[in-house]
């Protein structure tokens, strides 16, 4: 039930609510992507960038939940050509 609530908060883009919910994202890449997005959306650029880069450089396909996170990171200039090359 807790996960359903977290996913609903993400669907609504209620990132402040997401942060208040105390989501435990360890070991779940979908939740980690959403957590990175929440950090970026609530002003924690450093935290969002750190987590987002770890997900970007993971070495295999990221879950679809990462698409919006990576798009936000691109808009913010965090995914530079060097990181794109490193992922390849």
PDB file of N, CA and C in Angstrom:
ATOM      1  N   UNK A   1       0.825  -1.188   0.000  1.00  0.00           N
ATOM      2  CA  UNK A   1       0.000   0.000   0.000  1.00  0.00           C
ATOM      3  C   UNK A   1       0.872   1.256   0.000  1.00  0.00           C
ATOM      4  N   UNK A   2       1.977   1.181   0.731  1.00  0.00           N
ATOM      5  CA  UNK A   2       2.877   2.326   0.799  1.00  0.00           C
ATOM      6  C   UNK A   2       3.424   2.664  -0.596  1.00  0.00           C
ATOM      7  N   UNK A   3       3.842   1.651  -1.317  1.00  0.00           N
ATOM      8  CA  UNK A   3       4.386   1.887  -2.659  1.00  0.00           C
ATOM      9  C   UNK A   3       3.330   2.484  -3.588  1.00  0.00           C
ATOM     10  N   UNK A   4       2.105   2.021  -3.491  1.00  0.00           N
ATOM     11  CA  UNK A   4       1.029   2.573  -4.310  1.00  0.00           C
ATOM     12  C   UNK A   4       0.887   4.070  -4.029  1.00  0.00           C
ATOM     13  N   UNK A   5       0.982   4.454  -2.770  1.00  0.00           N
ATOM     14  CA  UNK A   5       0.895   5.869  -2.400  1.00  0.00           C
ATOM     15  C   UNK A   5       2.069   6.654  -2.985  1.00  0.00           C
ATOM     16  N   UNK A   6       3.262   6.108  -2.886  1.00  0.00           N
ATOM     17  CA  UNK A   6       4.439   6.792  -3.428  1.00  0.00           C
ATOM     18  C   UNK A   6       4.294   6.989  -4.936  1.00  0.00           C
ATOM     19  N   UNK A   7       3.823   5.952  -5.625  1.00  0.00           N
ATOM     20  CA  UNK A   7       3.642   6.057  -7.080  1.00  0.00           C
ATOM     21  C   UNK A   7       2.563   7.080  -7.427  1.00  0.00           C
ATOM     22  N   UNK A   8       1.537   7.177  -6.609  1.00  0.00           N
ATOM     23  CA  UNK A   8       0.492   8.183  -6.839  1.00  0.00           C
ATOM     24  C   UNK A   8       1.052   9.587  -6.636  1.00  0.00           C
ATOM     25  N   UNK A   9       1.862   9.780  -5.619  1.00  0.00           N
ATOM     26  CA  UNK A   9       2.496  11.088  -5.420  1.00  0.00           C
ATOM     27  C   UNK A   9       3.349  11.461  -6.624  1.00  0.00           C
ATOM     28  N   UNK A  10       4.078  10.495  -7.154  1.00  0.00           N
ATOM     29  CA  UNK A  10       4.908  10.752  -8.338  1.00  0.00           C
ATOM     30  C   UNK A  10       4.034  11.052  -9.548  1.00  0.00           C
ATOM     31  N   UNK A  11       2.954  10.305  -9.725  1.00  0.00           N
ATOM     32  CA  UNK A  11       2.051  10.545 -10.856  1.00  0.00           C
ATOM     33  C   UNK A  11       1.500  11.965 -10.807  1.00  0.00           C
ATOM     34  N   UNK A  12       1.210  12.434  -9.610  1.00  0.00           N
ATOM     35  CA  UNK A  12       0.691  13.792  -9.424  1.00  0.00           C
ATOM     36  C   UNK A  12       1.788  14.854  -9.470  1.00  0.00           C
ATOM     37  N   UNK A  13       3.038  14.410  -9.512  1.00  0.00           N
ATOM     38  CA  UNK A  13       4.203  15.310  -9.420  1.00  0.00           C
ATOM     39  C   UNK A  13       4.145  16.127  -8.137  1.00  0.00           C
ATOM     40  N   UNK A  14       3.687  15.486  -7.074  1.00  0.00           N
ATOM     41  CA  UNK A  14       3.659  16.117  -5.752  1.00  0.00           C
ATOM     42  C   UNK A  14       4.987  15.815  -5.079  1.00  0.00           C
ATOM     43  N   UNK A  15       6.024  16.492  -5.554  1.00  0.00           N
ATOM     44  CA  UNK A  15       7.365  16.214  -5.055  1.00  0.00           C
ATOM     45  C   UNK A  15       7.562  16.638  -3.607  1.00  0.00           C
ATOM     46  N   UNK A  16       6.986  17.736  -3.152  1.00  0.00           N
ATOM     47  CA  UNK A  16       7.089  18.027  -1.718  1.00  0.00           C
ATOM     48  C   UNK A  16       6.425  16.926  -0.874  1.00  0.00           C
ATOM     49  N   UNK A  17       5.278  16.427  -1.328  1.00  0.00           N
ATOM     50  CA  UNK A  17       4.608  15.333  -0.636  1.00  0.00           C
ATOM     51  C   UNK A  17       5.443  14.062  -0.658  1.00  0.00           C
ATOM     52  N   UNK A  18       6.085  13.831  -1.778  1.00  0.00           N
ATOM     53  CA  UNK A  18       6.986  12.674  -1.915  1.00  0.00           C
ATOM     54  C   UNK A  18       8.090  12.739  -0.867  1.00  0.00           C
ATOM     55  N   UNK A  19       8.686  13.921  -0.736  1.00  0.00           N
ATOM     56  CA  UNK A  19       9.777  14.083   0.228  1.00  0.00           C
ATOM     57  C   UNK A  19       9.269  13.899   1.664  1.00  0.00           C
ATOM     58  N   UNK A  20       8.080  14.407   1.953  1.00  0.00           N
ATOM     59  CA  UNK A  20       7.506  14.244   3.297  1.00  0.00           C
ATOM     60  C   UNK A  20       7.136  12.795   3.597  1.00  0.00           C
ATOM     61  N   UNK A  21       6.843  12.023   2.540  1.00  0.00           N
ATOM     62  CA  UNK A  21       6.399  10.635   2.725  1.00  0.00           C
ATOM     63  C   UNK A  21       7.523   9.716   3.194  1.00  0.00           C
ATOM     64  N   UNK A  22       8.757  10.168   3.124  1.00  0.00           N
ATOM     65  CA  UNK A  22       9.868   9.347   3.586  1.00  0.00           C
ATOM     66  C   UNK A  22      10.075   8.097   2.767  1.00  0.00           C
ATOM     67  N   UNK A  23      10.007   8.237   1.462  1.00  0.00           N
ATOM     68  CA  UNK A  23      10.158   7.094   0.560  1.00  0.00           C
ATOM     69  C   UNK A  23      11.520   6.433   0.771  1.00  0.00           C
ATOM     70  N   UNK A  24      11.492   5.134   0.874  1.00  0.00           N
ATOM     71  CA  UNK A  24      12.725   4.339   0.989  1.00  0.00           C
ATOM     72  C   UNK A  24      13.013   3.749  -0.394  1.00  0.00           C
ATOM     73  N   UNK A  25      14.007   4.317  -1.063  1.00  0.00           N
ATOM     74  CA  UNK A  25      14.252   3.929  -2.450  1.00  0.00           C
ATOM     75  C   UNK A  25      15.445   2.999  -2.634  1.00  0.00           C
ATOM     76  N   UNK A  26      16.143   2.659  -1.569  1.00  0.00           N
ATOM     77  CA  UNK A  26      17.313   1.800  -1.686  1.00  0.00           C
ATOM     78  C   UNK A  26      16.945   0.477  -2.347  1.00  0.00           C
ATOM     79  N   UNK A  27      17.739   0.095  -3.337  1.00  0.00           N
ATOM     80  CA  UNK A  27      17.531  -1.191  -3.988  1.00  0.00           C
ATOM     81  C   UNK A  27      16.428  -1.222  -5.023  1.00  0.00           C
ATOM     82  N   UNK A  28      15.758  -0.114  -5.275  1.00  0.00           N
ATOM     83  CA  UNK A  28      14.667  -0.070  -6.250  1.00  0.00           C
ATOM     84  C   UNK A  28      14.951   1.083  -7.205  1.00  0.00           C
ATOM     85  N   UNK A  29      15.419   0.757  -8.402  1.00  0.00           N
ATOM     86  CA  UNK A  29      15.844   1.798  -9.329  1.00  0.00           C
ATOM     87  C   UNK A  29      14.702   2.703  -9.784  1.00  0.00           C
ATOM     88  N   UNK A  30      13.504   2.182  -9.892  1.00  0.00           N
ATOM     89  CA  UNK A  30      12.366   3.039 -10.247  1.00  0.00           C
ATOM     90  C   UNK A  30      12.163   4.100  -9.173  1.00  0.00           C
ATOM     91  N   UNK A  31      12.154   3.684  -7.918  1.00  0.00           N
ATOM     92  CA  UNK A  31      11.980   4.650  -6.832  1.00  0.00           C
ATOM     93  C   UNK A  31      13.175   5.588  -6.728  1.00  0.00           C
ATOM     94  N   UNK A  32      14.371   5.092  -7.016  1.00  0.00           N
ATOM     95  CA  UNK A  32      15.559   5.960  -6.989  1.00  0.00           C
ATOM     96  C   UNK A  32      15.441   7.047  -8.056  1.00  0.00           C
ATOM     97  N   UNK A  33      14.951   6.688  -9.237  1.00  0.00           N
ATOM     98  CA  UNK A  33      14.755   7.691 -10.299  1.00  0.00           C
ATOM     99  C   UNK A  33      13.734   8.740  -9.865  1.00  0.00           C
ATOM    100  N   UNK A  34      12.647   8.291  -9.283  1.00  0.00           N
ATOM    101  CA  UNK A  34      11.625   9.226  -8.812  1.00  0.00           C
ATOM    102  C   UNK A  34      12.171  10.088  -7.680  1.00  0.00           C
ATOM    103  N   UNK A  35      12.997   9.502  -6.849  1.00  0.00           N
ATOM    104  CA  UNK A  35      13.596  10.265  -5.753  1.00  0.00           C
ATOM    105  C   UNK A  35      14.517  11.359  -6.306  1.00  0.00           C
ATOM    106  N   UNK A  36      15.314  11.020  -7.313  1.00  0.00           N
ATOM    107  CA  UNK A  36      16.181  12.027  -7.938  1.00  0.00           C
ATOM    108  C   UNK A  36      15.342  13.156  -8.528  1.00  0.00           C
ATOM    109  N   UNK A  37      14.241  12.800  -9.162  1.00  0.00           N
ATOM    110  CA  UNK A  37      13.353  13.809  -9.735  1.00  0.00           C
ATOM    111  C   UNK A  37      12.763  14.693  -8.637  1.00  0.00           C
ATOM    112  N   UNK A  38      12.381  14.084  -7.528  1.00  0.00           N
ATOM    113  CA  UNK A  38      11.839  14.848  -6.404  1.00  0.00           C
ATOM    114  C   UNK A  38      12.880  15.808  -5.841  1.00  0.00           C
ATOM    115  N   UNK A  39      14.110  15.340  -5.718  1.00  0.00           N
ATOM    116  CA  UNK A  39      15.175  16.212  -5.219  1.00  0.00           C
ATOM    117  C   UNK A  39      15.374  17.415  -6.136  1.00  0.00           C
ATOM    118  N   UNK A  40      15.428  17.164  -7.435  1.00  0.00           N
ATOM    119  CA  UNK A  40      15.612  18.262  -8.388  1.00  0.00           C
ATOM    120  C   UNK A  40      14.437  19.240  -8.328  1.00  0.00           C
ATOM    121  N   UNK A  41      13.228  18.700  -8.251  1.00  0.00           N
ATOM    122  CA  UNK A  41      12.026  19.541  -8.269  1.00  0.00           C
ATOM    123  C   UNK A  41      11.856  20.359  -6.998  1.00  0.00           C
ATOM    124  N   UNK A  42      12.437  19.892  -5.903  1.00  0.00           N
ATOM    125  CA  UNK A  42      12.277  20.616  -4.635  1.00  0.00           C
ATOM    126  C   UNK A  42      13.505  21.455  -4.290  1.00  0.00           C
ATOM    127  N   UNK A  43      14.408  21.591  -5.249  1.00  0.00           N
ATOM    128  CA  UNK A  43      15.522  22.512  -5.068  1.00  0.00           C
ATOM    129  C   UNK A  43      16.821  21.912  -4.568  1.00  0.00           C
ATOM    130  N   UNK A  44      16.866  20.606  -4.369  1.00  0.00           N
ATOM    131  CA  UNK A  44      18.115  19.973  -3.945  1.00  0.00           C
ATOM    132  C   UNK A  44      18.865  19.516  -5.193  1.00  0.00           C
ATOM    133  N   UNK A  45      19.424  20.494  -5.896  1.00  0.00           N
ATOM    134  CA  UNK A  45      20.108  20.195  -7.156  1.00  0.00           C
ATOM    135  C   UNK A  45      21.293  19.262  -6.946  1.00  0.00           C
ATOM    136  N   UNK A  46      22.063  19.482  -5.895  1.00  0.00           N
ATOM    137  CA  UNK A  46      23.248  18.642  -5.661  1.00  0.00           C
ATOM    138  C   UNK A  46      22.839  17.194  -5.403  1.00  0.00           C
ATOM    139  N   UNK A  47      21.847  16.989  -4.556  1.00  0.00           N
ATOM    140  CA  UNK A  47      21.383  15.634  -4.263  1.00  0.00           C
ATOM    141  C   UNK A  47      20.784  14.958  -5.482  1.00  0.00           C
ATOM    142  N   UNK A  48      19.970  15.710  -6.231  1.00  0.00           N
ATOM    143  CA  UNK A  48      19.365  15.165  -7.442  1.00  0.00           C
ATOM    144  C   UNK A  48      20.397  14.831  -8.495  1.00  0.00           C
ATOM    145  N   UNK A  49      21.394  15.695  -8.618  1.00  0.00           N
ATOM    146  CA  UNK A  49      22.453  15.451  -9.605  1.00  0.00           C
ATOM    147  C   UNK A  49      23.279  14.228  -9.228  1.00  0.00           C
ATOM    148  N   UNK A  50      23.632  14.094  -7.966  1.00  0.00           N
ATOM    149  CA  UNK A  50      24.426  12.942  -7.516  1.00  0.00           C
ATOM    150  C   UNK A  50      23.693  11.635  -7.775  1.00  0.00           C
ATOM    151  N   UNK A  51      22.442  11.571  -7.354  1.00  0.00           N
ATOM    152  CA  UNK A  51      21.658  10.353  -7.545  1.00  0.00           C
ATOM    153  C   UNK A  51      21.384  10.117  -9.026  1.00  0.00           C
ATOM    154  N   UNK A  52      21.034  11.180  -9.751  1.00  0.00           N
ATOM    155  CA  UNK A  52      20.756  11.051 -11.180  1.00  0.00           C
ATOM    156  C   UNK A  52      21.957  10.564 -11.966  1.00  0.00           C
ATOM    157  N   UNK A  53      23.137  11.076 -11.656  1.00  0.00           N
ATOM    158  CA  UNK A  53      24.344  10.627 -12.356  1.00  0.00           C
ATOM    159  C   UNK A  53      24.630   9.156 -12.074  1.00  0.00           C
ATOM    160  N   UNK A  54      24.426   8.728 -10.841  1.00  0.00           N
ATOM    161  CA  UNK A  54      24.628   7.311 -10.516  1.00  0.00           C
ATOM    162  C   UNK A  54      23.690   6.432 -11.343  1.00  0.00           C
ATOM    163  N   UNK A  55      22.473   6.877 -11.522  1.00  0.00           N
ATOM    164  CA  UNK A  55      21.510   6.122 -12.328  1.00  0.00           C
ATOM    165  C   UNK A  55      21.878   6.187 -13.807  1.00  0.00           C
ATOM    166  N   UNK A  56      22.342   7.332 -14.267  1.00  0.00           N
ATOM    167  CA  UNK A  56      22.731   7.526 -15.664  1.00  0.00           C
ATOM    168  C   UNK A  56      23.902   6.601 -16.031  1.00  0.00           C
ATOM    169  N   UNK A  57      24.836   6.446 -15.119  1.00  0.00           N
ATOM    170  CA  UNK A  57      26.055   5.685 -15.392  1.00  0.00           C
ATOM    171  C   UNK A  57      25.966   4.230 -14.947  1.00  0.00           C
ATOM    172  N   UNK A  58      24.795   3.707 -14.788  1.00  0.00           N
ATOM    173  CA  UNK A  58      24.598   2.369 -14.244  1.00  0.00           C
ATOM    174  C   UNK A  58      25.055   1.248 -15.165  1.00  0.00           C
ATOM    175  N   UNK A  59      25.187   1.469 -16.460  1.00  0.00           N
ATOM    176  CA  UNK A  59      25.719   0.455 -17.354  1.00  0.00           C
ATOM    177  C   UNK A  59      24.690  -0.381 -18.088  1.00  0.00           C
ATOM    178  N   UNK A  60      23.440  -0.263 -17.727  1.00  0.00           N
ATOM    179  CA  UNK A  60      22.391  -0.958 -18.476  1.00  0.00           C
ATOM    180  C   UNK A  60      21.199  -0.027 -18.593  1.00  0.00           C
ATOM    181  N   UNK A  61      20.144  -0.502 -19.209  1.00  0.00           N
ATOM    182  CA  UNK A  61      18.969   0.345 -19.403  1.00  0.00           C
ATOM    183  C   UNK A  61      18.359   0.739 -18.065  1.00  0.00           C
ATOM    184  N   UNK A  62      18.001   1.991 -17.984  1.00  0.00           N
ATOM    185  CA  UNK A  62      17.340   2.496 -16.777  1.00  0.00           C
ATOM    186  C   UNK A  62      15.834   2.288 -16.911  1.00  0.00           C
ATOM    187  N   UNK A  63      15.128   2.213 -15.801  1.00  0.00           N
ATOM    188  CA  UNK A  63      13.672   2.075 -15.864  1.00  0.00           C
ATOM    189  C   UNK A  63      13.035   3.303 -16.530  1.00  0.00           C
ATOM    190  N   UNK A  64      11.857   3.145 -17.109  1.00  0.00           N
ATOM    191  CA  UNK A  64      11.170   4.276 -17.744  1.00  0.00           C
ATOM    192  C   UNK A  64      10.979   5.470 -16.810  1.00  0.00           C
ATOM    193  N   UNK A  65      10.903   5.225 -15.516  1.00  0.00           N
ATOM    194  CA  UNK A  65      10.740   6.328 -14.557  1.00  0.00           C
ATOM    195  C   UNK A  65      11.910   7.291 -14.607  1.00  0.00           C
ATOM    196  N   UNK A  66      13.045   6.840 -15.132  1.00  0.00           N
ATOM    197  CA  UNK A  66      14.228   7.709 -15.208  1.00  0.00           C
ATOM    198  C   UNK A  66      14.136   8.718 -16.350  1.00  0.00           C
ATOM    199  N   UNK A  67      13.273   8.489 -17.325  1.00  0.00           N
ATOM    200  CA  UNK A  67      13.208   9.378 -18.486  1.00  0.00           C
ATOM    201  C   UNK A  67      12.991  10.832 -18.087  1.00  0.00           C
ATOM    202  N   UNK A  68      12.037  11.071 -17.210  1.00  0.00           N
ATOM    203  CA  UNK A  68      11.751  12.451 -16.786  1.00  0.00           C
ATOM    204  C   UNK A  68      12.904  13.022 -15.967  1.00  0.00           C
ATOM    205  N   UNK A  69      13.550  12.178 -15.182  1.00  0.00           N
ATOM    206  CA  UNK A  69      14.706  12.625 -14.400  1.00  0.00           C
ATOM    207  C   UNK A  69      15.836  13.035 -15.320  1.00  0.00           C
ATOM    208  N   UNK A  70      16.123  12.203 -16.312  1.00  0.00           N
ATOM    209  CA  UNK A  70      17.198  12.515 -17.242  1.00  0.00           C
ATOM    210  C   UNK A  70      16.860  13.751 -18.076  1.00  0.00           C
ATOM    211  N   UNK A  71      15.593  13.927 -18.420  1.00  0.00           N
ATOM    212  CA  UNK A  71      15.183  15.123 -19.157  1.00  0.00           C
ATOM    213  C   UNK A  71      15.398  16.375 -18.307  1.00  0.00           C
ATOM    214  N   UNK A  72      15.048  16.302 -17.037  1.00  0.00           N
ATOM    215  CA  UNK A  72      15.261  17.450 -16.143  1.00  0.00           C
ATOM    216  C   UNK A  72      16.747  17.739 -15.993  1.00  0.00           C
ATOM    217  N   UNK A  73      17.538  16.693 -15.876  1.00  0.00           N
ATOM    218  CA  UNK A  73      18.982  16.885 -15.752  1.00  0.00           C
ATOM    219  C   UNK A  73      19.561  17.514 -17.026  1.00  0.00           C
ATOM    220  N   UNK A  74      19.039  17.131 -18.167  1.00  0.00           N
ATOM    221  CA  UNK A  74      19.489  17.718 -19.431  1.00  0.00           C
ATOM    222  C   UNK A  74      19.147  19.201 -19.464  1.00  0.00           C
ATOM    223  N   UNK A  75      17.905  19.539 -19.080  1.00  0.00           N
ATOM    224  CA  UNK A  75      17.486  20.957 -19.053  1.00  0.00           C
ATOM    225  C   UNK A  75      18.364  21.784 -18.122  1.00  0.00           C
ATOM    226  N   UNK A  76      18.822  21.169 -17.041  1.00  0.00           N
ATOM    227  CA  UNK A  76      19.635  21.869 -16.056  1.00  0.00           C
ATOM    228  C   UNK A  76      21.131  21.829 -16.387  1.00  0.00           C
ATOM    229  N   UNK A  77      21.480  21.224 -17.517  1.00  0.00           N
ATOM    230  CA  UNK A  77      22.874  21.170 -17.947  1.00  0.00           C
ATOM    231  C   UNK A  77      23.726  20.164 -17.194  1.00  0.00           C
ATOM    232  N   UNK A  78      23.092  19.191 -16.570  1.00  0.00           N
ATOM    233  CA  UNK A  78      23.833  18.212 -15.767  1.00  0.00           C
ATOM    234  C   UNK A  78      24.342  17.028 -16.584  1.00  0.00           C
ATOM    235  N   UNK A  79      23.690  16.740 -17.699  1.00  0.00           N
ATOM    236  CA  UNK A  79      24.123  15.624 -18.547  1.00  0.00           C
ATOM    237  C   UNK A  79      24.886  16.202 -19.732  1.00  0.00           C
ATOM    238  N   UNK A  80      26.151  16.447 -19.516  1.00  0.00           N
ATOM    239  CA  UNK A  80      26.988  17.064 -20.540  1.00  0.00           C
ATOM    240  C   UNK A  80      27.511  15.986 -21.494  1.00  0.00           C
ATOM    241  N   UNK A  81      28.140  16.408 -22.592  1.00  0.00           N
ATOM    242  CA  UNK A  81      28.654  15.434 -23.566  1.00  0.00           C
ATOM    243  C   UNK A  81      29.613  14.405 -22.956  1.00  0.00           C
ATOM    244  N   UNK A  82      30.393  14.812 -21.999  1.00  0.00           N
ATOM    245  CA  UNK A  82      31.330  13.887 -21.356  1.00  0.00           C
ATOM    246  C   UNK A  82      30.580  12.746 -20.660  1.00  0.00           C
ATOM    247  N   UNK A  83      29.513  13.085 -19.924  1.00  0.00           N
ATOM    248  CA  UNK A  83      28.722  12.042 -19.253  1.00  0.00           C
ATOM    249  C   UNK A  83      27.986  11.178 -20.260  1.00  0.00           C
ATOM    250  N   UNK A  84      27.523  11.778 -21.356  1.00  0.00           N
ATOM    251  CA  UNK A  84      26.842  10.985 -22.388  1.00  0.00           C
ATOM    252  C   UNK A  84      27.823   9.987 -22.988  1.00  0.00           C
ATOM    253  N   UNK A  85      29.035  10.428 -23.244  1.00  0.00           N
ATOM    254  CA  UNK A  85      30.055   9.529 -23.794  1.00  0.00           C
ATOM    255  C   UNK A  85      30.405   8.438 -22.787  1.00  0.00           C
ATOM    256  N   UNK A  86      30.518   8.785 -21.522  1.00  0.00           N
ATOM    257  CA  UNK A  86      30.840   7.805 -20.500  1.00  0.00           C
ATOM    258  C   UNK A  86      29.773   6.719 -20.409  1.00  0.00           C
ATOM    259  N   UNK A  87      28.509   7.103 -20.568  1.00  0.00           N
ATOM    260  CA  UNK A  87      27.417   6.115 -20.528  1.00  0.00           C
ATOM    261  C   UNK A  87      27.528   5.141 -21.706  1.00  0.00           C
ATOM    262  N   UNK A  88      27.881   5.677 -22.863  1.00  0.00           N
ATOM    263  CA  UNK A  88      28.015   4.833 -24.053  1.00  0.00           C
ATOM    264  C   UNK A  88      29.148   3.847 -23.845  1.00  0.00           C
TER     265      UNK A  88
END
